[in-house]
Amino acid sequence: DKLLCHGYLDELLCANEGAFLSNLMLCLSSEANGCSDVKRLLAIVGVSLNLLQPLETVSIMRKEVLPFVMTMLLNPYPRVRRYTAEQLYVKLTEDGDVLFDEQHVEEANQLLLNAVWHEEDDSNGQLSDTRNRIADLLSIPLTPEQRNIKIGRKGRPWSATKDEFESYQSLVNNA
């Protein structure tokens, strides 16, 4: 994350038509898939967002990095969703005008700010709709499966594992 943040890997990211970037995204995606460690997921989000740079690898970024970030906006853990939205907002504020159409960035940022990403139950699908609208505004390709991801189910409470930082229960169990 630090190396990406300070630009030390820029040459490597652009070398071989972005092969390193593609491999890194494959590793990040496989690491995030099924991961229940919130700290690790937050680190993965940080690295993936630092890959969003105005380099020669914009096509790979649009094809691999941005769809991954969009899936993290609907992660089962509220803390991961909120962190992803916050960091994406910061990234769009800093570099959005270079990477995307400025008018669409403004609207995407408003959607990121107005959504309650840390809600545990999204039975009416507002988060999914907001995420899909952001993807459309930024021209991020999402598969039909990615577009139809829902958090929770209508009429039923959300049954995913709770975020380990939601309460002090983990401290009580370890004492």
N, C-alpha and C. Protein backbone atom coordinates (compact mmCIF):
# COMPACT_ATOMS: atom_id res chain seq x y z
N ASP A 1 0.83 -1.18 0.00
CA ASP A 1 0.00 0.00 0.00
C ASP A 1 0.88 1.25 0.00
N LYS A 2 1.89 1.27 0.86
CA LYS A 2 2.78 2.44 0.94
C LYS A 2 3.55 2.64 -0.35
N LEU A 3 4.03 1.54 -0.94
CA LEU A 3 4.78 1.64 -2.20
C LEU A 3 3.90 2.20 -3.32
N LEU A 4 2.67 1.76 -3.39
CA LEU A 4 1.74 2.26 -4.40
C LEU A 4 1.40 3.72 -4.15
N CYS A 5 1.18 4.05 -2.89
CA CYS A 5 0.78 5.41 -2.52
C CYS A 5 1.84 6.44 -2.91
N HIS A 6 3.09 6.06 -2.80
CA HIS A 6 4.19 6.99 -3.09
C HIS A 6 4.72 6.88 -4.52
N GLY A 7 4.11 6.01 -5.32
CA GLY A 7 4.47 5.94 -6.73
C GLY A 7 5.68 5.10 -7.05
N TYR A 8 6.16 4.30 -6.11
CA TYR A 8 7.35 3.50 -6.35
C TYR A 8 7.11 2.32 -7.29
N LEU A 9 5.88 1.94 -7.48
CA LEU A 9 5.56 0.80 -8.34
C LEU A 9 4.98 1.21 -9.69
N ASP A 10 5.00 2.49 -10.01
CA ASP A 10 4.40 2.97 -11.25
C ASP A 10 4.99 2.29 -12.48
N GLU A 11 6.30 2.18 -12.53
CA GLU A 11 6.94 1.52 -13.69
C GLU A 11 6.53 0.07 -13.79
N LEU A 12 6.49 -0.61 -12.66
CA LEU A 12 6.11 -2.02 -12.65
C LEU A 12 4.65 -2.21 -13.06
N LEU A 13 3.80 -1.30 -12.65
CA LEU A 13 2.38 -1.40 -13.01
C LEU A 13 2.17 -1.25 -14.51
N CYS A 14 2.99 -0.44 -15.16
CA CYS A 14 2.84 -0.19 -16.59
C CYS A 14 3.60 -1.18 -17.46
N ALA A 15 4.55 -1.90 -16.88
CA ALA A 15 5.38 -2.82 -17.66
C ALA A 15 4.56 -3.99 -18.19
N ASN A 16 4.97 -4.49 -19.35
CA ASN A 16 4.32 -5.66 -19.98
C ASN A 16 2.81 -5.47 -20.12
N GLU A 17 2.41 -4.29 -20.53
CA GLU A 17 0.99 -3.97 -20.77
C GLU A 17 0.14 -4.23 -19.54
N GLY A 18 0.69 -3.95 -18.37
CA GLY A 18 -0.08 -4.07 -17.14
C GLY A 18 -0.21 -5.48 -16.60
N ALA A 19 0.71 -6.37 -16.95
CA ALA A 19 0.64 -7.76 -16.48
C ALA A 19 0.72 -7.83 -14.96
N PHE A 20 1.60 -7.02 -14.36
CA PHE A 20 1.72 -7.01 -12.90
C PHE A 20 0.41 -6.54 -12.26
N LEU A 21 -0.17 -5.51 -12.83
CA LEU A 21 -1.44 -4.99 -12.32
C LEU A 21 -2.52 -6.06 -12.38
N SER A 22 -2.61 -6.76 -13.49
CA SER A 22 -3.61 -7.83 -13.62
C SER A 22 -3.37 -8.94 -12.61
N ASN A 23 -2.11 -9.34 -12.44
CA ASN A 23 -1.79 -10.39 -11.47
C ASN A 23 -2.07 -9.94 -10.04
N LEU A 24 -1.73 -8.69 -9.74
CA LEU A 24 -2.00 -8.17 -8.41
C LEU A 24 -3.50 -8.14 -8.12
N MET A 25 -4.29 -7.72 -9.10
CA MET A 25 -5.74 -7.69 -8.90
C MET A 25 -6.31 -9.10 -8.75
N LEU A 26 -5.75 -10.06 -9.47
CA LEU A 26 -6.19 -11.45 -9.31
C LEU A 26 -5.90 -11.93 -7.90
N CYS A 27 -4.72 -11.61 -7.38
CA CYS A 27 -4.36 -12.00 -6.01
C CYS A 27 -5.25 -11.30 -4.98
N LEU A 28 -5.50 -10.01 -5.16
CA LEU A 28 -6.36 -9.27 -4.23
C LEU A 28 -7.78 -9.83 -4.24
N SER A 29 -8.27 -10.11 -5.42
CA SER A 29 -9.62 -10.63 -5.55
C SER A 29 -9.76 -12.01 -4.89
N SER A 30 -8.80 -12.88 -5.13
CA SER A 30 -8.87 -14.21 -4.53
C SER A 30 -8.69 -14.14 -3.01
N GLU A 31 -7.87 -13.20 -2.54
CA GLU A 31 -7.68 -13.04 -1.10
C GLU A 31 -8.96 -12.51 -0.44
N ALA A 32 -9.65 -11.61 -1.10
CA ALA A 32 -10.88 -11.03 -0.55
C ALA A 32 -12.05 -12.00 -0.60
N ASN A 33 -12.04 -12.91 -1.56
CA ASN A 33 -13.15 -13.84 -1.74
C ASN A 33 -13.27 -14.76 -0.53
N GLY A 34 -14.34 -14.61 0.20
CA GLY A 34 -14.60 -15.45 1.37
C GLY A 34 -13.83 -15.06 2.61
N CYS A 35 -13.09 -13.98 2.57
CA CYS A 35 -12.30 -13.52 3.71
C CYS A 35 -13.22 -12.97 4.79
N SER A 36 -12.98 -13.36 6.03
CA SER A 36 -13.79 -12.84 7.14
C SER A 36 -12.98 -11.94 8.07
N ASP A 37 -11.74 -11.67 7.71
CA ASP A 37 -10.87 -10.80 8.50
C ASP A 37 -11.06 -9.36 8.03
N VAL A 38 -11.75 -8.57 8.83
CA VAL A 38 -12.10 -7.20 8.44
C VAL A 38 -10.85 -6.35 8.21
N LYS A 39 -9.85 -6.51 9.06
CA LYS A 39 -8.61 -5.73 8.89
C LYS A 39 -7.95 -6.04 7.56
N ARG A 40 -7.94 -7.30 7.18
CA ARG A 40 -7.35 -7.70 5.90
C ARG A 40 -8.16 -7.13 4.74
N LEU A 41 -9.47 -7.17 4.85
CA LEU A 41 -10.33 -6.61 3.81
C LEU A 41 -10.11 -5.10 3.65
N LEU A 42 -9.94 -4.40 4.76
CA LEU A 42 -9.67 -2.97 4.69
C LEU A 42 -8.34 -2.70 4.01
N ALA A 43 -7.34 -3.53 4.27
CA ALA A 43 -6.03 -3.38 3.62
C ALA A 43 -6.15 -3.65 2.12
N ILE A 44 -6.94 -4.65 1.75
CA ILE A 44 -7.15 -4.97 0.33
C ILE A 44 -7.82 -3.80 -0.38
N VAL A 45 -8.80 -3.18 0.27
CA VAL A 45 -9.47 -2.02 -0.32
C VAL A 45 -8.47 -0.89 -0.52
N GLY A 46 -7.62 -0.66 0.48
CA GLY A 46 -6.61 0.40 0.37
C GLY A 46 -5.67 0.19 -0.79
N VAL A 47 -5.19 -1.03 -0.95
CA VAL A 47 -4.28 -1.33 -2.06
C VAL A 47 -4.99 -1.17 -3.40
N SER A 48 -6.20 -1.70 -3.50
CA SER A 48 -6.92 -1.61 -4.78
C SER A 48 -7.22 -0.17 -5.16
N LEU A 49 -7.56 0.66 -4.18
CA LEU A 49 -7.82 2.06 -4.50
C LEU A 49 -6.56 2.83 -4.86
N ASN A 50 -5.43 2.42 -4.31
CA ASN A 50 -4.17 3.05 -4.70
C ASN A 50 -3.74 2.65 -6.10
N LEU A 51 -4.33 1.60 -6.64
CA LEU A 51 -4.05 1.21 -8.03
C LEU A 51 -4.77 2.13 -9.02
N LEU A 52 -5.74 2.90 -8.53
CA LEU A 52 -6.45 3.84 -9.41
C LEU A 52 -5.59 5.08 -9.61
N GLN A 53 -4.78 5.02 -10.64
CA GLN A 53 -3.88 6.12 -10.94
C GLN A 53 -3.96 6.42 -12.43
N PRO A 54 -3.75 7.67 -12.79
CA PRO A 54 -3.79 8.03 -14.22
C PRO A 54 -2.53 7.57 -14.94
N LEU A 55 -2.42 6.26 -15.14
CA LEU A 55 -1.27 5.68 -15.83
C LEU A 55 -1.71 5.18 -17.20
N GLU A 56 -0.77 4.56 -17.91
CA GLU A 56 -1.08 4.01 -19.23
C GLU A 56 -1.98 2.78 -19.15
N THR A 57 -2.22 2.28 -17.96
CA THR A 57 -2.99 1.05 -17.78
C THR A 57 -4.46 1.34 -17.47
N VAL A 58 -5.00 2.43 -18.00
CA VAL A 58 -6.37 2.82 -17.70
C VAL A 58 -7.37 1.74 -18.12
N SER A 59 -7.13 1.07 -19.25
CA SER A 59 -8.07 0.04 -19.69
C SER A 59 -8.11 -1.13 -18.71
N ILE A 60 -6.96 -1.54 -18.19
CA ILE A 60 -6.93 -2.62 -17.20
C ILE A 60 -7.59 -2.15 -15.91
N MET A 61 -7.33 -0.90 -15.56
CA MET A 61 -7.93 -0.34 -14.35
C MET A 61 -9.45 -0.39 -14.46
N ARG A 62 -9.99 0.02 -15.60
CA ARG A 62 -11.45 0.02 -15.78
C ARG A 62 -12.02 -1.39 -15.81
N LYS A 63 -11.26 -2.32 -16.35
CA LYS A 63 -11.75 -3.69 -16.51
C LYS A 63 -11.61 -4.53 -15.24
N GLU A 64 -10.60 -4.25 -14.42
CA GLU A 64 -10.33 -5.13 -13.27
C GLU A 64 -10.42 -4.43 -11.92
N VAL A 65 -9.79 -3.29 -11.78
CA VAL A 65 -9.73 -2.63 -10.47
C VAL A 65 -11.07 -2.04 -10.08
N LEU A 66 -11.67 -1.28 -10.96
CA LEU A 66 -12.94 -0.61 -10.62
C LEU A 66 -14.09 -1.57 -10.35
N PRO A 67 -14.27 -2.64 -11.15
CA PRO A 67 -15.32 -3.60 -10.78
C PRO A 67 -15.09 -4.24 -9.42
N PHE A 68 -13.82 -4.50 -9.09
CA PHE A 68 -13.51 -5.05 -7.77
C PHE A 68 -13.90 -4.08 -6.66
N VAL A 69 -13.58 -2.81 -6.84
CA VAL A 69 -13.95 -1.79 -5.85
C VAL A 69 -15.47 -1.72 -5.72
N MET A 70 -16.17 -1.84 -6.83
CA MET A 70 -17.63 -1.81 -6.79
C MET A 70 -18.18 -3.01 -6.00
N THR A 71 -17.55 -4.17 -6.13
CA THR A 71 -18.02 -5.33 -5.35
C THR A 71 -17.76 -5.13 -3.86
N MET A 72 -16.68 -4.42 -3.54
CA MET A 72 -16.38 -4.16 -2.13
C MET A 72 -17.39 -3.19 -1.51
N LEU A 73 -18.05 -2.38 -2.33
CA LEU A 73 -19.09 -1.50 -1.81
C LEU A 73 -20.30 -2.29 -1.31
N LEU A 74 -20.42 -3.54 -1.72
CA LEU A 74 -21.52 -4.39 -1.24
C LEU A 74 -21.00 -5.58 -0.46
N ASN A 75 -19.87 -5.41 0.20
CA ASN A 75 -19.30 -6.46 1.03
C ASN A 75 -20.26 -6.74 2.20
N PRO A 76 -20.30 -7.97 2.68
CA PRO A 76 -21.21 -8.28 3.80
C PRO A 76 -20.91 -7.51 5.09
N TYR A 77 -19.70 -7.03 5.25
CA TYR A 77 -19.33 -6.31 6.47
C TYR A 77 -19.57 -4.82 6.32
N PRO A 78 -20.42 -4.25 7.18
CA PRO A 78 -20.73 -2.82 7.09
C PRO A 78 -19.49 -1.93 7.18
N ARG A 79 -18.55 -2.30 8.00
CA ARG A 79 -17.33 -1.49 8.15
C ARG A 79 -16.53 -1.45 6.85
N VAL A 80 -16.48 -2.55 6.14
CA VAL A 80 -15.75 -2.61 4.86
C VAL A 80 -16.47 -1.75 3.82
N ARG A 81 -17.80 -1.83 3.79
CA ARG A 81 -18.56 -1.01 2.85
C ARG A 81 -18.34 0.47 3.10
N ARG A 82 -18.43 0.86 4.37
CA ARG A 82 -18.27 2.28 4.72
C ARG A 82 -16.86 2.76 4.38
N TYR A 83 -15.85 1.97 4.71
CA TYR A 83 -14.47 2.34 4.42
C TYR A 83 -14.23 2.45 2.91
N THR A 84 -14.77 1.50 2.15
CA THR A 84 -14.63 1.54 0.69
C THR A 84 -15.26 2.79 0.12
N ALA A 85 -16.45 3.12 0.59
CA ALA A 85 -17.14 4.33 0.10
C ALA A 85 -16.35 5.58 0.46
N GLU A 86 -15.85 5.65 1.68
CA GLU A 86 -15.07 6.82 2.11
C GLU A 86 -13.81 6.98 1.27
N GLN A 87 -13.10 5.89 1.08
CA GLN A 87 -11.84 5.95 0.34
C GLN A 87 -12.06 6.20 -1.14
N LEU A 88 -13.14 5.65 -1.70
CA LEU A 88 -13.46 5.92 -3.09
C LEU A 88 -13.83 7.39 -3.27
N TYR A 89 -14.55 7.94 -2.32
CA TYR A 89 -14.88 9.37 -2.36
C TYR A 89 -13.60 10.21 -2.37
N VAL A 90 -12.67 9.89 -1.49
CA VAL A 90 -11.40 10.63 -1.43
C VAL A 90 -10.65 10.51 -2.75
N LYS A 91 -10.61 9.30 -3.30
CA LYS A 91 -9.89 9.07 -4.55
C LYS A 91 -10.54 9.85 -5.70
N LEU A 92 -11.85 9.84 -5.76
CA LEU A 92 -12.56 10.58 -6.81
C LEU A 92 -12.37 12.08 -6.64
N THR A 93 -12.31 12.54 -5.40
CA THR A 93 -12.09 13.96 -5.15
C THR A 93 -10.69 14.37 -5.59
N GLU A 94 -9.71 13.51 -5.32
CA GLU A 94 -8.32 13.83 -5.67
C GLU A 94 -8.04 13.67 -7.16
N ASP A 95 -8.41 12.53 -7.73
CA ASP A 95 -8.02 12.20 -9.10
C ASP A 95 -9.18 12.00 -10.06
N GLY A 96 -10.39 12.22 -9.61
CA GLY A 96 -11.56 11.92 -10.43
C GLY A 96 -11.62 12.67 -11.73
N ASP A 97 -11.21 13.94 -11.72
CA ASP A 97 -11.28 14.73 -12.95
C ASP A 97 -10.29 14.23 -14.00
N VAL A 98 -9.24 13.56 -13.59
CA VAL A 98 -8.26 13.00 -14.53
C VAL A 98 -8.74 11.65 -15.07
N LEU A 99 -9.41 10.89 -14.22
CA LEU A 99 -9.81 9.53 -14.58
C LEU A 99 -11.19 9.44 -15.22
N PHE A 100 -12.09 10.38 -14.89
CA PHE A 100 -13.47 10.30 -15.34
C PHE A 100 -13.98 11.67 -15.78
N ASP A 101 -15.20 11.67 -16.32
CA ASP A 101 -15.87 12.92 -16.68
C ASP A 101 -16.23 13.66 -15.39
N GLU A 102 -15.87 14.93 -15.32
CA GLU A 102 -16.02 15.70 -14.08
C GLU A 102 -17.46 15.77 -13.58
N GLN A 103 -18.43 15.93 -14.48
CA GLN A 103 -19.83 16.01 -14.07
C GLN A 103 -20.28 14.70 -13.41
N HIS A 104 -19.86 13.58 -13.98
CA HIS A 104 -20.24 12.29 -13.43
C HIS A 104 -19.57 12.03 -12.09
N VAL A 105 -18.36 12.54 -11.92
CA VAL A 105 -17.65 12.39 -10.65
C VAL A 105 -18.41 13.10 -9.54
N GLU A 106 -18.90 14.29 -9.83
CA GLU A 106 -19.67 15.05 -8.83
C GLU A 106 -20.90 14.26 -8.37
N GLU A 107 -21.64 13.72 -9.33
CA GLU A 107 -22.84 12.96 -8.99
C GLU A 107 -22.50 11.68 -8.24
N ALA A 108 -21.43 11.00 -8.66
CA ALA A 108 -20.99 9.78 -7.98
C ALA A 108 -20.58 10.10 -6.54
N ASN A 109 -19.88 11.20 -6.35
CA ASN A 109 -19.49 11.60 -5.00
C ASN A 109 -20.69 11.90 -4.13
N GLN A 110 -21.71 12.53 -4.70
CA GLN A 110 -22.93 12.80 -3.93
C GLN A 110 -23.61 11.50 -3.52
N LEU A 111 -23.64 10.53 -4.42
CA LEU A 111 -24.23 9.23 -4.09
C LEU A 111 -23.42 8.54 -2.99
N LEU A 112 -22.09 8.62 -3.08
CA LEU A 112 -21.24 8.02 -2.06
C LEU A 112 -21.48 8.66 -0.70
N LEU A 113 -21.66 9.97 -0.69
CA LEU A 113 -21.88 10.69 0.57
C LEU A 113 -23.26 10.45 1.16
N ASN A 114 -24.27 10.33 0.33
CA ASN A 114 -25.65 10.27 0.81
C ASN A 114 -26.10 8.87 1.23
N ALA A 115 -25.44 7.84 0.74
CA ALA A 115 -25.84 6.47 1.10
C ALA A 115 -25.33 6.14 2.51
N VAL A 116 -26.10 5.33 3.20
CA VAL A 116 -25.70 4.86 4.53
C VAL A 116 -25.08 3.48 4.33
N TRP A 117 -23.78 3.46 4.09
CA TRP A 117 -23.08 2.23 3.71
C TRP A 117 -22.94 1.26 4.86
N HIS A 118 -23.05 1.71 6.08
CA HIS A 118 -22.87 0.82 7.23
C HIS A 118 -24.17 0.22 7.75
N GLU A 119 -25.26 0.39 7.02
CA GLU A 119 -26.52 -0.25 7.41
C GLU A 119 -26.36 -1.76 7.33
N GLU A 120 -26.89 -2.45 8.33
CA GLU A 120 -26.78 -3.91 8.32
C GLU A 120 -27.83 -4.56 7.43
N ASP A 121 -28.99 -3.95 7.33
CA ASP A 121 -30.07 -4.54 6.54
C ASP A 121 -30.42 -3.61 5.38
N ASP A 122 -30.28 -4.12 4.19
CA ASP A 122 -30.63 -3.36 2.98
C ASP A 122 -31.67 -4.16 2.20
N SER A 123 -32.77 -4.48 2.90
CA SER A 123 -33.77 -5.35 2.28
C SER A 123 -34.47 -4.71 1.09
N ASN A 124 -34.49 -3.38 1.01
CA ASN A 124 -35.14 -2.75 -0.13
C ASN A 124 -34.17 -2.49 -1.28
N GLY A 125 -32.91 -2.83 -1.13
CA GLY A 125 -31.94 -2.76 -2.22
C GLY A 125 -31.41 -1.38 -2.55
N GLN A 126 -31.51 -0.43 -1.62
CA GLN A 126 -31.02 0.92 -1.90
C GLN A 126 -29.52 0.96 -2.12
N LEU A 127 -28.76 0.20 -1.32
CA LEU A 127 -27.30 0.20 -1.50
C LEU A 127 -26.91 -0.40 -2.85
N SER A 128 -27.59 -1.46 -3.23
CA SER A 128 -27.30 -2.08 -4.53
C SER A 128 -27.62 -1.11 -5.67
N ASP A 129 -28.76 -0.44 -5.57
CA ASP A 129 -29.13 0.52 -6.60
C ASP A 129 -28.15 1.69 -6.66
N THR A 130 -27.73 2.17 -5.49
CA THR A 130 -26.77 3.28 -5.44
C THR A 130 -25.44 2.85 -6.05
N ARG A 131 -24.98 1.68 -5.66
CA ARG A 131 -23.71 1.17 -6.21
C ARG A 131 -23.79 1.01 -7.73
N ASN A 132 -24.90 0.47 -8.22
CA ASN A 132 -25.07 0.30 -9.67
C ASN A 132 -25.12 1.64 -10.39
N ARG A 133 -25.74 2.62 -9.78
CA ARG A 133 -25.79 3.97 -10.38
C ARG A 133 -24.39 4.59 -10.44
N ILE A 134 -23.60 4.40 -9.39
CA ILE A 134 -22.22 4.89 -9.38
C ILE A 134 -21.43 4.21 -10.49
N ALA A 135 -21.59 2.91 -10.63
CA ALA A 135 -20.89 2.17 -11.68
C ALA A 135 -21.30 2.69 -13.06
N ASP A 136 -22.58 2.97 -13.25
CA ASP A 136 -23.04 3.50 -14.54
C ASP A 136 -22.46 4.88 -14.81
N LEU A 137 -22.44 5.73 -13.80
CA LEU A 137 -21.91 7.08 -13.97
C LEU A 137 -20.43 7.08 -14.35
N LEU A 138 -19.69 6.15 -13.76
CA LEU A 138 -18.25 6.09 -14.00
C LEU A 138 -17.88 5.12 -15.12
N SER A 139 -18.89 4.60 -15.81
CA SER A 139 -18.70 3.65 -16.92
C SER A 139 -17.90 2.42 -16.49
N ILE A 140 -18.25 1.88 -15.35
CA ILE A 140 -17.58 0.69 -14.83
C ILE A 140 -18.40 -0.52 -15.24
N PRO A 141 -17.79 -1.44 -15.98
CA PRO A 141 -18.53 -2.62 -16.43
C PRO A 141 -18.78 -3.60 -15.28
N LEU A 142 -20.04 -3.95 -15.09
CA LEU A 142 -20.41 -4.95 -14.09
C LEU A 142 -21.21 -6.05 -14.78
N THR A 143 -20.94 -7.29 -14.40
CA THR A 143 -21.68 -8.41 -14.95
C THR A 143 -23.10 -8.40 -14.36
N PRO A 144 -24.04 -9.09 -14.98
CA PRO A 144 -25.39 -9.17 -14.40
C PRO A 144 -25.38 -9.75 -12.97
N GLU A 145 -24.50 -10.70 -12.70
CA GLU A 145 -24.40 -11.26 -11.35
C GLU A 145 -23.95 -10.19 -10.36
N GLN A 146 -22.96 -9.37 -10.76
CA GLN A 146 -22.48 -8.31 -9.89
C GLN A 146 -23.56 -7.26 -9.66
N ARG A 147 -24.37 -6.99 -10.67
CA ARG A 147 -25.43 -5.98 -10.54
C ARG A 147 -26.55 -6.44 -9.62
N ASN A 148 -26.74 -7.74 -9.51
CA ASN A 148 -27.87 -8.26 -8.74
C ASN A 148 -27.53 -8.65 -7.31
N ILE A 149 -26.33 -8.32 -6.84
CA ILE A 149 -25.96 -8.64 -5.47
C ILE A 149 -26.81 -7.81 -4.52
N LYS A 150 -27.38 -8.48 -3.55
CA LYS A 150 -28.20 -7.81 -2.53
C LYS A 150 -27.63 -8.13 -1.16
N ILE A 151 -27.79 -7.19 -0.24
CA ILE A 151 -27.38 -7.39 1.14
C ILE A 151 -28.63 -7.69 1.93
N GLY A 152 -28.72 -8.87 2.52
CA GLY A 152 -29.93 -9.27 3.23
C GLY A 152 -31.00 -9.70 2.25
N ARG A 153 -32.13 -10.07 2.77
CA ARG A 153 -33.24 -10.49 1.91
C ARG A 153 -34.51 -9.84 2.39
N LYS A 154 -35.43 -9.63 1.47
CA LYS A 154 -36.71 -8.99 1.83
C LYS A 154 -37.43 -9.83 2.87
N GLY A 155 -37.87 -9.13 3.91
CA GLY A 155 -38.66 -9.80 4.93
C GLY A 155 -37.85 -10.58 5.94
N ARG A 156 -36.53 -10.70 5.72
CA ARG A 156 -35.71 -11.45 6.67
C ARG A 156 -34.56 -10.58 7.12
N PRO A 157 -34.18 -10.70 8.36
CA PRO A 157 -33.03 -9.93 8.83
C PRO A 157 -31.75 -10.44 8.19
N TRP A 158 -30.78 -9.59 8.15
CA TRP A 158 -29.48 -9.92 7.57
C TRP A 158 -28.81 -10.97 8.43
N SER A 159 -28.32 -12.05 7.83
CA SER A 159 -27.83 -13.16 8.63
C SER A 159 -26.32 -13.38 8.49
N ALA A 160 -25.60 -12.48 7.88
CA ALA A 160 -24.15 -12.64 7.76
C ALA A 160 -23.48 -12.43 9.10
N THR A 161 -22.24 -12.88 9.20
CA THR A 161 -21.47 -12.73 10.42
C THR A 161 -21.31 -11.26 10.76
N LYS A 162 -21.41 -10.94 12.02
CA LYS A 162 -21.27 -9.57 12.47
C LYS A 162 -19.82 -9.12 12.34
N ASP A 163 -19.63 -7.85 12.18
CA ASP A 163 -18.31 -7.23 12.14
C ASP A 163 -17.69 -7.39 13.52
N GLU A 164 -16.42 -7.80 13.59
CA GLU A 164 -15.79 -8.04 14.88
C GLU A 164 -15.67 -6.77 15.72
N PHE A 165 -15.82 -5.59 15.14
CA PHE A 165 -15.69 -4.35 15.87
C PHE A 165 -17.05 -3.75 16.26
N GLU A 166 -18.11 -4.47 16.02
CA GLU A 166 -19.44 -3.96 16.31
C GLU A 166 -19.70 -3.88 17.81
N SER A 167 -19.05 -4.73 18.60
CA SER A 167 -19.28 -4.70 20.04
C SER A 167 -18.00 -5.14 20.74
N TYR A 168 -18.06 -5.18 22.02
CA TYR A 168 -16.91 -5.62 22.80
C TYR A 168 -17.01 -7.11 23.14
N GLN A 169 -17.91 -7.82 22.47
CA GLN A 169 -18.13 -9.23 22.76
C GLN A 169 -16.86 -10.04 22.57
N SER A 170 -16.05 -9.71 21.57
CA SER A 170 -14.82 -10.46 21.33
C SER A 170 -13.85 -10.29 22.49
N LEU A 171 -13.85 -9.13 23.15
CA LEU A 171 -12.99 -8.91 24.31
C LEU A 171 -13.47 -9.73 25.50
N VAL A 172 -14.78 -9.80 25.67
CA VAL A 172 -15.34 -10.56 26.78
C VAL A 172 -15.04 -12.04 26.59
N ASN A 173 -15.14 -12.54 25.36
CA ASN A 173 -14.88 -13.95 25.10
C ASN A 173 -13.44 -14.32 25.33
N ASN A 174 -12.52 -13.39 25.08
CA ASN A 174 -11.09 -13.67 25.22
C ASN A 174 -10.61 -13.51 26.67
N ALA A 175 -11.41 -12.90 27.53
CA ALA A 175 -10.98 -12.63 28.91
C ALA A 175 -11.07 -13.84 29.79
